[in-house]
Amino acid sequence: MIASLTRFSRVLAAGTTAAITMLSLSACNNVTPVMPNMPITQPEQAAAPMVQAVVGDYADAGYENRSQGYDWVGVMVRSAGNEQINIKVRARSDIKKPTCQFDGTASLMGQDKAHGVIFQTKVNDSTAFFQFKDDILTIDSQDKYALNYFCSGGASLVGDYQKLSSDLELT
């Protein structure tokens, strides 16, 4: 009698464990199966209108004279979600070593009529500001020297950049 009672409790425990496992697994029916050789992508967040308004390519005054050999710096701004932008700064690299290079992500700080749209990011223990107003991008920082790190020859990312009507030509 005791042996059959022990066997019954083991069977009952095994059955209960199996039932709980099956119930748990059936609750996960919203999982997308992974197919071999298929990249897994995260759903993109829609960019806020103020982010969409600043997306584009910008360049300093030297860009207009690039065909005469002038040095120039360009900024590529792309959406990185609802309230963030990716920023890539590149300089002329076709006939000389590029003077500036920066890659970063900045977060929306705010917007008003007086200042336009302002994003910020941390760089070299300082905060860099990316202000967009009237198709002009102004890059500035609490510590002006923090933005010299990304350039050579005494240059800095600090300055004004005009929005281009077409894509930045890196060559």
N, C-alpha and C. Protein backbone atom coordinates (compact mmCIF):
# COMPACT_ATOMS: atom_id res chain seq x y z
N MET A 1 0.81 -1.18 0.00
CA MET A 1 0.00 0.00 0.00
C MET A 1 0.86 1.26 0.00
N ILE A 2 1.88 1.27 0.84
CA ILE A 2 2.75 2.44 0.91
C ILE A 2 3.51 2.61 -0.39
N ALA A 3 3.93 1.49 -1.02
CA ALA A 3 4.67 1.56 -2.28
C ALA A 3 3.79 2.14 -3.37
N SER A 4 2.52 1.77 -3.43
CA SER A 4 1.65 2.31 -4.48
C SER A 4 1.32 3.77 -4.22
N LEU A 5 1.25 4.18 -2.97
CA LEU A 5 1.02 5.58 -2.63
C LEU A 5 2.23 6.43 -3.03
N THR A 6 3.44 5.92 -2.82
CA THR A 6 4.65 6.63 -3.22
C THR A 6 4.71 6.76 -4.73
N ARG A 7 4.38 5.68 -5.43
CA ARG A 7 4.39 5.73 -6.89
C ARG A 7 3.34 6.72 -7.39
N PHE A 8 2.14 6.72 -6.77
CA PHE A 8 1.09 7.64 -7.18
C PHE A 8 1.52 9.09 -7.01
N SER A 9 2.19 9.44 -5.89
CA SER A 9 2.62 10.82 -5.67
C SER A 9 3.71 11.21 -6.66
N ARG A 10 4.57 10.28 -7.06
CA ARG A 10 5.59 10.58 -8.07
C ARG A 10 4.93 10.86 -9.43
N VAL A 11 3.97 10.03 -9.80
CA VAL A 11 3.27 10.22 -11.07
C VAL A 11 2.50 11.54 -11.05
N LEU A 12 1.86 11.82 -9.92
CA LEU A 12 1.11 13.07 -9.78
C LEU A 12 2.05 14.27 -9.89
N ALA A 13 3.21 14.22 -9.26
CA ALA A 13 4.19 15.31 -9.32
C ALA A 13 4.71 15.48 -10.74
N ALA A 14 5.01 14.39 -11.42
CA ALA A 14 5.50 14.45 -12.79
C ALA A 14 4.42 15.01 -13.71
N GLY A 15 3.19 14.59 -13.53
CA GLY A 15 2.08 15.07 -14.35
C GLY A 15 1.83 16.55 -14.12
N THR A 16 1.88 16.98 -12.89
CA THR A 16 1.67 18.40 -12.56
C THR A 16 2.78 19.24 -13.18
N THR A 17 4.02 18.80 -13.08
CA THR A 17 5.15 19.52 -13.67
C THR A 17 5.00 19.63 -15.18
N ALA A 18 4.61 18.54 -15.82
CA ALA A 18 4.42 18.55 -17.28
C ALA A 18 3.28 19.49 -17.66
N ALA A 19 2.19 19.48 -16.92
CA ALA A 19 1.04 20.35 -17.22
C ALA A 19 1.42 21.82 -17.07
N ILE A 20 2.14 22.16 -16.02
CA ILE A 20 2.57 23.55 -15.80
C ILE A 20 3.51 24.00 -16.91
N THR A 21 4.43 23.12 -17.31
CA THR A 21 5.36 23.45 -18.40
C THR A 21 4.61 23.70 -19.70
N MET A 22 3.67 22.85 -20.05
CA MET A 22 2.90 23.00 -21.28
C MET A 22 2.07 24.28 -21.24
N LEU A 23 1.47 24.56 -20.10
CA LEU A 23 0.67 25.77 -19.96
C LEU A 23 1.54 27.01 -20.11
N SER A 24 2.73 27.00 -19.55
CA SER A 24 3.65 28.13 -19.65
C SER A 24 4.09 28.35 -21.09
N LEU A 25 4.40 27.25 -21.77
CA LEU A 25 4.85 27.37 -23.16
C LEU A 25 3.74 27.82 -24.08
N SER A 26 2.52 27.41 -23.83
CA SER A 26 1.42 27.82 -24.71
C SER A 26 1.11 29.30 -24.54
N ALA A 27 1.49 29.92 -23.45
CA ALA A 27 1.26 31.34 -23.24
C ALA A 27 2.22 32.19 -24.07
N CYS A 28 3.24 31.57 -24.63
CA CYS A 28 4.25 32.30 -25.41
C CYS A 28 3.96 32.20 -26.91
N ASN A 29 2.72 32.19 -27.33
CA ASN A 29 2.41 31.99 -28.73
C ASN A 29 2.62 33.24 -29.58
N ASN A 30 3.02 34.37 -29.01
CA ASN A 30 3.23 35.58 -29.79
C ASN A 30 4.69 35.78 -30.16
N VAL A 31 5.51 34.78 -30.02
CA VAL A 31 6.92 34.87 -30.35
C VAL A 31 7.10 34.63 -31.84
N THR A 32 7.85 35.49 -32.51
CA THR A 32 8.11 35.33 -33.93
C THR A 32 9.20 34.29 -34.12
N PRO A 33 8.96 33.28 -34.95
CA PRO A 33 9.99 32.27 -35.15
C PRO A 33 11.20 32.86 -35.88
N VAL A 34 12.37 32.41 -35.52
CA VAL A 34 13.60 32.87 -36.16
C VAL A 34 13.88 31.97 -37.35
N MET A 35 14.02 32.59 -38.50
CA MET A 35 14.31 31.84 -39.72
C MET A 35 15.82 31.91 -39.96
N PRO A 36 16.42 30.83 -40.42
CA PRO A 36 17.85 30.87 -40.70
C PRO A 36 18.17 31.92 -41.77
N ASN A 37 19.30 32.61 -41.61
CA ASN A 37 19.79 33.61 -42.55
C ASN A 37 18.86 34.82 -42.70
N MET A 38 18.00 35.06 -41.75
CA MET A 38 17.13 36.23 -41.79
C MET A 38 17.55 37.16 -40.66
N PRO A 39 17.85 38.42 -40.99
CA PRO A 39 18.25 39.35 -39.93
C PRO A 39 17.08 39.67 -39.02
N ILE A 40 17.38 39.85 -37.77
CA ILE A 40 16.36 40.22 -36.79
C ILE A 40 16.41 41.74 -36.68
N THR A 41 15.29 42.38 -36.94
CA THR A 41 15.24 43.84 -36.88
C THR A 41 14.25 44.27 -35.83
N GLN A 42 14.58 45.35 -35.15
CA GLN A 42 13.70 45.93 -34.17
C GLN A 42 12.76 46.89 -34.88
N PRO A 43 11.53 47.03 -34.43
CA PRO A 43 10.63 47.99 -35.06
C PRO A 43 11.17 49.41 -34.86
N GLU A 44 11.10 50.20 -35.91
CA GLU A 44 11.61 51.56 -35.83
C GLU A 44 10.57 52.45 -35.16
N GLN A 45 11.07 53.37 -34.33
CA GLN A 45 10.20 54.35 -33.72
C GLN A 45 10.01 55.49 -34.71
N ALA A 46 8.83 55.99 -34.79
CA ALA A 46 8.58 57.13 -35.67
C ALA A 46 9.24 58.36 -35.08
N ALA A 47 9.90 59.12 -35.95
CA ALA A 47 10.58 60.33 -35.50
C ALA A 47 9.58 61.45 -35.29
N ALA A 48 9.80 62.22 -34.26
CA ALA A 48 8.97 63.39 -33.99
C ALA A 48 9.14 64.40 -35.12
N PRO A 49 8.13 65.22 -35.38
CA PRO A 49 8.23 66.21 -36.47
C PRO A 49 9.45 67.12 -36.35
N MET A 50 9.83 67.48 -35.13
CA MET A 50 10.99 68.36 -34.97
C MET A 50 12.29 67.62 -35.31
N VAL A 51 12.31 66.30 -35.15
CA VAL A 51 13.48 65.52 -35.57
C VAL A 51 13.50 65.44 -37.08
N GLN A 52 12.35 65.17 -37.68
CA GLN A 52 12.27 65.08 -39.14
C GLN A 52 12.69 66.40 -39.79
N ALA A 53 12.38 67.52 -39.16
CA ALA A 53 12.70 68.83 -39.73
C ALA A 53 14.20 69.10 -39.80
N VAL A 54 14.99 68.50 -38.92
CA VAL A 54 16.42 68.78 -38.88
C VAL A 54 17.26 67.76 -39.65
N VAL A 55 16.64 66.64 -40.03
CA VAL A 55 17.36 65.61 -40.75
C VAL A 55 17.83 66.16 -42.10
N GLY A 56 19.10 65.90 -42.42
CA GLY A 56 19.66 66.36 -43.68
C GLY A 56 21.16 66.52 -43.57
N ASP A 57 21.75 67.11 -44.60
CA ASP A 57 23.19 67.35 -44.63
C ASP A 57 23.47 68.84 -44.55
N TYR A 58 24.52 69.18 -43.81
CA TYR A 58 24.90 70.57 -43.57
C TYR A 58 26.39 70.71 -43.89
N ALA A 59 26.81 71.92 -44.24
CA ALA A 59 28.24 72.13 -44.54
C ALA A 59 28.64 73.56 -44.17
N ASP A 60 29.94 73.73 -43.89
CA ASP A 60 30.44 75.07 -43.60
C ASP A 60 30.65 75.85 -44.90
N ALA A 61 31.10 77.10 -44.79
CA ALA A 61 31.24 77.98 -45.95
C ALA A 61 32.25 77.46 -46.97
N GLY A 62 33.25 76.72 -46.55
CA GLY A 62 34.26 76.20 -47.47
C GLY A 62 33.74 75.18 -48.46
N TYR A 63 32.60 74.60 -48.17
CA TYR A 63 32.04 73.56 -49.03
C TYR A 63 31.70 74.09 -50.42
N GLU A 64 31.22 75.32 -50.50
CA GLU A 64 30.88 75.91 -51.81
C GLU A 64 32.10 76.03 -52.72
N ASN A 65 33.28 76.17 -52.15
CA ASN A 65 34.51 76.35 -52.92
C ASN A 65 35.36 75.09 -52.96
N ARG A 66 34.76 73.94 -52.73
CA ARG A 66 35.52 72.68 -52.70
C ARG A 66 36.19 72.37 -54.03
N SER A 67 35.58 72.81 -55.14
CA SER A 67 36.17 72.53 -56.46
C SER A 67 37.48 73.31 -56.66
N GLN A 68 37.69 74.38 -55.89
CA GLN A 68 38.94 75.14 -55.97
C GLN A 68 39.96 74.67 -54.92
N GLY A 69 39.65 73.56 -54.23
CA GLY A 69 40.61 72.99 -53.28
C GLY A 69 40.44 73.45 -51.85
N TYR A 70 39.38 74.20 -51.55
CA TYR A 70 39.17 74.68 -50.18
C TYR A 70 38.85 73.51 -49.25
N ASP A 71 39.28 73.63 -48.02
CA ASP A 71 38.94 72.65 -47.00
C ASP A 71 37.50 72.91 -46.57
N TRP A 72 36.79 71.88 -46.17
CA TRP A 72 35.41 72.05 -45.73
C TRP A 72 35.08 70.97 -44.71
N VAL A 73 34.02 71.24 -43.93
CA VAL A 73 33.51 70.30 -42.94
C VAL A 73 32.01 70.16 -43.18
N GLY A 74 31.53 68.92 -43.21
CA GLY A 74 30.11 68.64 -43.40
C GLY A 74 29.55 67.85 -42.24
N VAL A 75 28.25 67.99 -42.03
CA VAL A 75 27.56 67.30 -40.95
C VAL A 75 26.36 66.57 -41.53
N MET A 76 26.29 65.27 -41.27
CA MET A 76 25.15 64.46 -41.71
C MET A 76 24.29 64.15 -40.49
N VAL A 77 23.03 64.54 -40.55
CA VAL A 77 22.10 64.36 -39.43
C VAL A 77 21.01 63.39 -39.87
N ARG A 78 20.84 62.32 -39.10
CA ARG A 78 19.84 61.30 -39.39
C ARG A 78 19.03 61.02 -38.13
N SER A 79 17.79 60.59 -38.32
CA SER A 79 16.93 60.25 -37.20
C SER A 79 17.45 59.00 -36.50
N ALA A 80 17.37 59.00 -35.18
CA ALA A 80 17.76 57.82 -34.39
C ALA A 80 16.63 57.46 -33.43
N GLY A 81 15.41 57.70 -33.86
CA GLY A 81 14.26 57.41 -33.00
C GLY A 81 13.38 58.63 -32.86
N ASN A 82 12.53 58.59 -31.87
CA ASN A 82 11.54 59.64 -31.69
C ASN A 82 12.16 60.99 -31.31
N GLU A 83 13.14 60.99 -30.42
CA GLU A 83 13.70 62.25 -29.94
C GLU A 83 15.23 62.24 -29.94
N GLN A 84 15.83 61.49 -30.87
CA GLN A 84 17.29 61.44 -30.96
C GLN A 84 17.72 61.54 -32.42
N ILE A 85 18.94 62.04 -32.59
CA ILE A 85 19.52 62.11 -33.93
C ILE A 85 20.93 61.53 -33.89
N ASN A 86 21.33 60.93 -35.01
CA ASN A 86 22.72 60.52 -35.21
C ASN A 86 23.42 61.64 -35.95
N ILE A 87 24.61 61.96 -35.52
CA ILE A 87 25.39 63.04 -36.12
C ILE A 87 26.73 62.49 -36.56
N LYS A 88 27.06 62.72 -37.83
CA LYS A 88 28.37 62.35 -38.36
C LYS A 88 28.99 63.61 -38.94
N VAL A 89 30.16 63.96 -38.46
CA VAL A 89 30.89 65.10 -39.01
C VAL A 89 32.05 64.54 -39.81
N ARG A 90 32.16 65.02 -41.03
CA ARG A 90 33.24 64.59 -41.91
C ARG A 90 33.85 65.82 -42.58
N ALA A 91 35.12 65.72 -42.90
CA ALA A 91 35.82 66.80 -43.58
C ALA A 91 36.36 66.29 -44.91
N ARG A 92 36.79 67.22 -45.71
CA ARG A 92 37.36 66.87 -47.02
C ARG A 92 38.44 65.80 -46.83
N SER A 93 38.36 64.76 -47.66
CA SER A 93 39.36 63.70 -47.55
C SER A 93 39.86 63.25 -48.91
N ASP A 94 39.46 63.94 -49.97
CA ASP A 94 39.85 63.50 -51.30
C ASP A 94 41.27 63.92 -51.69
N ILE A 95 41.72 65.10 -51.24
CA ILE A 95 43.06 65.55 -51.62
C ILE A 95 43.97 65.78 -50.42
N LYS A 96 43.44 65.60 -49.22
CA LYS A 96 44.26 65.77 -48.01
C LYS A 96 43.66 64.95 -46.88
N LYS A 97 44.39 64.85 -45.81
CA LYS A 97 43.91 64.15 -44.63
C LYS A 97 42.75 64.95 -44.03
N PRO A 98 41.63 64.29 -43.67
CA PRO A 98 40.50 65.03 -43.12
C PRO A 98 40.86 65.74 -41.82
N THR A 99 40.35 66.96 -41.67
CA THR A 99 40.67 67.74 -40.47
C THR A 99 39.76 67.40 -39.29
N CYS A 100 38.52 66.98 -39.56
CA CYS A 100 37.59 66.71 -38.47
C CYS A 100 36.81 65.42 -38.73
N GLN A 101 36.49 64.73 -37.63
CA GLN A 101 35.63 63.55 -37.69
C GLN A 101 34.99 63.36 -36.33
N PHE A 102 33.68 63.15 -36.34
CA PHE A 102 32.91 62.94 -35.11
C PHE A 102 31.71 62.06 -35.43
N ASP A 103 31.40 61.13 -34.55
CA ASP A 103 30.19 60.31 -34.64
C ASP A 103 29.54 60.31 -33.28
N GLY A 104 28.25 60.64 -33.23
CA GLY A 104 27.56 60.65 -31.94
C GLY A 104 26.06 60.64 -32.09
N THR A 105 25.40 60.46 -30.96
CA THR A 105 23.94 60.52 -30.89
C THR A 105 23.57 61.61 -29.91
N ALA A 106 22.65 62.47 -30.32
CA ALA A 106 22.22 63.57 -29.46
C ALA A 106 20.74 63.44 -29.16
N SER A 107 20.35 63.89 -27.98
CA SER A 107 18.96 63.81 -27.53
C SER A 107 18.32 65.18 -27.56
N LEU A 108 17.03 65.19 -27.85
CA LEU A 108 16.27 66.44 -27.91
C LEU A 108 16.29 67.12 -26.55
N MET A 109 16.65 68.39 -26.55
CA MET A 109 16.66 69.18 -25.33
C MET A 109 15.41 70.05 -25.26
N GLY A 110 15.02 70.62 -26.42
CA GLY A 110 13.83 71.46 -26.44
C GLY A 110 13.70 72.22 -27.74
N GLN A 111 12.61 72.98 -27.82
CA GLN A 111 12.34 73.78 -29.01
C GLN A 111 11.54 75.01 -28.61
N ASP A 112 11.91 76.14 -29.20
CA ASP A 112 11.11 77.35 -29.10
C ASP A 112 11.41 78.25 -30.29
N LYS A 113 10.61 79.30 -30.47
CA LYS A 113 10.78 80.16 -31.65
C LYS A 113 12.09 80.92 -31.62
N ALA A 114 12.56 81.31 -30.48
CA ALA A 114 13.79 82.11 -30.38
C ALA A 114 15.04 81.30 -30.69
N HIS A 115 15.08 80.04 -30.26
CA HIS A 115 16.30 79.23 -30.39
C HIS A 115 16.20 78.11 -31.41
N GLY A 116 15.02 77.79 -31.90
CA GLY A 116 14.85 76.67 -32.80
C GLY A 116 14.81 75.37 -32.03
N VAL A 117 15.34 74.31 -32.64
CA VAL A 117 15.37 72.98 -32.03
C VAL A 117 16.78 72.72 -31.53
N ILE A 118 16.91 72.30 -30.29
CA ILE A 118 18.24 72.07 -29.70
C ILE A 118 18.35 70.63 -29.21
N PHE A 119 19.45 69.99 -29.62
CA PHE A 119 19.80 68.65 -29.16
C PHE A 119 21.09 68.76 -28.36
N GLN A 120 21.35 67.78 -27.51
CA GLN A 120 22.58 67.79 -26.71
C GLN A 120 23.15 66.39 -26.59
N THR A 121 24.47 66.34 -26.35
CA THR A 121 25.14 65.08 -26.08
C THR A 121 26.38 65.36 -25.23
N LYS A 122 26.85 64.36 -24.54
CA LYS A 122 28.06 64.49 -23.73
C LYS A 122 29.29 64.19 -24.57
N VAL A 123 30.28 65.06 -24.53
CA VAL A 123 31.56 64.86 -25.20
C VAL A 123 32.68 65.36 -24.30
N ASN A 124 33.65 64.52 -24.04
CA ASN A 124 34.84 64.92 -23.28
C ASN A 124 34.49 65.67 -22.00
N ASP A 125 33.64 65.11 -21.18
CA ASP A 125 33.24 65.70 -19.90
C ASP A 125 32.57 67.06 -20.04
N SER A 126 31.99 67.33 -21.18
CA SER A 126 31.27 68.58 -21.42
C SER A 126 29.97 68.24 -22.16
N THR A 127 29.13 69.21 -22.34
CA THR A 127 27.91 69.02 -23.11
C THR A 127 28.02 69.78 -24.42
N ALA A 128 27.78 69.09 -25.51
CA ALA A 128 27.77 69.74 -26.82
C ALA A 128 26.32 69.99 -27.21
N PHE A 129 26.09 71.14 -27.84
CA PHE A 129 24.75 71.54 -28.25
C PHE A 129 24.69 71.62 -29.77
N PHE A 130 23.60 71.12 -30.33
CA PHE A 130 23.36 71.17 -31.77
C PHE A 130 22.05 71.93 -31.95
N GLN A 131 22.18 73.19 -32.36
CA GLN A 131 21.02 74.08 -32.49
C GLN A 131 20.65 74.22 -33.96
N PHE A 132 19.38 73.93 -34.29
CA PHE A 132 18.90 74.01 -35.66
C PHE A 132 17.86 75.12 -35.74
N LYS A 133 18.17 76.14 -36.55
CA LYS A 133 17.22 77.24 -36.73
C LYS A 133 17.42 77.86 -38.11
N ASP A 134 16.33 78.00 -38.86
CA ASP A 134 16.36 78.63 -40.19
C ASP A 134 17.39 77.99 -41.11
N ASP A 135 17.43 76.67 -41.16
CA ASP A 135 18.34 75.89 -42.01
C ASP A 135 19.81 76.10 -41.67
N ILE A 136 20.10 76.55 -40.47
CA ILE A 136 21.48 76.70 -39.98
C ILE A 136 21.64 75.78 -38.77
N LEU A 137 22.69 74.98 -38.79
CA LEU A 137 23.07 74.16 -37.64
C LEU A 137 24.23 74.86 -36.96
N THR A 138 24.07 75.16 -35.69
CA THR A 138 25.15 75.76 -34.90
C THR A 138 25.60 74.73 -33.87
N ILE A 139 26.89 74.40 -33.92
CA ILE A 139 27.45 73.46 -32.95
C ILE A 139 28.25 74.27 -31.94
N ASP A 140 27.98 74.02 -30.67
CA ASP A 140 28.64 74.76 -29.60
C ASP A 140 28.77 73.84 -28.39
N SER A 141 29.49 74.29 -27.38
CA SER A 141 29.69 73.50 -26.18
C SER A 141 29.91 74.40 -24.97
N GLN A 142 29.66 73.85 -23.79
CA GLN A 142 29.97 74.58 -22.56
C GLN A 142 31.47 74.85 -22.48
N ASP A 143 32.25 73.89 -22.94
CA ASP A 143 33.71 74.01 -22.97
C ASP A 143 34.14 73.98 -24.43
N LYS A 144 34.47 75.12 -25.00
CA LYS A 144 34.81 75.23 -26.42
C LYS A 144 35.94 74.29 -26.81
N TYR A 145 36.85 74.03 -25.92
CA TYR A 145 38.00 73.17 -26.25
C TYR A 145 37.62 71.70 -26.32
N ALA A 146 36.48 71.32 -25.74
CA ALA A 146 36.04 69.92 -25.79
C ALA A 146 35.80 69.47 -27.23
N LEU A 147 35.43 70.39 -28.10
CA LEU A 147 35.14 70.05 -29.49
C LEU A 147 36.37 70.16 -30.39
N ASN A 148 37.50 70.59 -29.86
CA ASN A 148 38.75 70.61 -30.62
C ASN A 148 39.32 69.20 -30.76
N TYR A 149 38.97 68.33 -29.83
CA TYR A 149 39.50 66.97 -29.80
C TYR A 149 39.22 66.22 -31.10
N PHE A 150 38.13 66.54 -31.76
CA PHE A 150 37.70 65.80 -32.95
C PHE A 150 38.28 66.36 -34.24
N CYS A 151 39.13 67.37 -34.12
CA CYS A 151 39.73 68.01 -35.30
C CYS A 151 41.23 68.13 -35.10
N SER A 152 41.93 68.29 -36.21
CA SER A 152 43.39 68.48 -36.14
C SER A 152 43.74 69.90 -36.59
N GLY A 153 44.96 70.28 -36.35
CA GLY A 153 45.45 71.57 -36.81
C GLY A 153 44.81 72.77 -36.15
N GLY A 154 44.29 72.61 -34.95
CA GLY A 154 43.67 73.73 -34.24
C GLY A 154 42.22 73.97 -34.63
N ALA A 155 41.68 73.17 -35.50
CA ALA A 155 40.28 73.34 -35.90
C ALA A 155 39.35 72.84 -34.80
N SER A 156 38.07 73.16 -34.92
CA SER A 156 37.06 72.77 -33.94
C SER A 156 35.74 72.51 -34.65
N LEU A 157 34.89 71.72 -34.04
CA LEU A 157 33.55 71.50 -34.57
C LEU A 157 32.65 72.71 -34.35
N VAL A 158 33.03 73.59 -33.44
CA VAL A 158 32.24 74.78 -33.13
C VAL A 158 32.06 75.62 -34.39
N GLY A 159 30.82 75.99 -34.67
CA GLY A 159 30.58 76.86 -35.82
C GLY A 159 29.20 76.67 -36.40
N ASP A 160 28.97 77.38 -37.52
CA ASP A 160 27.69 77.34 -38.22
C ASP A 160 27.82 76.53 -39.50
N TYR A 161 26.76 75.76 -39.80
CA TYR A 161 26.72 74.91 -40.97
C TYR A 161 25.38 75.12 -41.67
N GLN A 162 25.42 75.40 -42.97
CA GLN A 162 24.21 75.65 -43.76
C GLN A 162 23.62 74.32 -44.24
N LYS A 163 22.29 74.19 -44.18
CA LYS A 163 21.63 72.98 -44.67
C LYS A 163 21.74 72.94 -46.19
N LEU A 164 22.10 71.79 -46.73
CA LEU A 164 22.27 71.62 -48.17
C LEU A 164 20.96 71.14 -48.79
N SER A 165 20.75 71.49 -50.04
CA SER A 165 19.55 71.05 -50.75
C SER A 165 19.72 69.65 -51.32
N SER A 166 20.95 69.15 -51.32
CA SER A 166 21.23 67.80 -51.81
C SER A 166 22.15 67.09 -50.80
N ASP A 167 22.48 65.84 -51.09
CA ASP A 167 23.35 65.09 -50.20
C ASP A 167 24.76 65.64 -50.20
N LEU A 168 25.43 65.53 -49.08
CA LEU A 168 26.82 65.94 -48.94
C LEU A 168 27.71 65.08 -49.83
N GLU A 169 28.55 65.72 -50.63
CA GLU A 169 29.50 64.99 -51.47
C GLU A 169 30.80 64.86 -50.71
N LEU A 170 31.12 63.65 -50.32
CA LEU A 170 32.30 63.44 -49.48
C LEU A 170 33.61 63.44 -50.28
N THR A 171 33.55 63.39 -51.60
CA THR A 171 34.79 63.40 -52.39
C THR A 171 34.91 64.67 -53.20
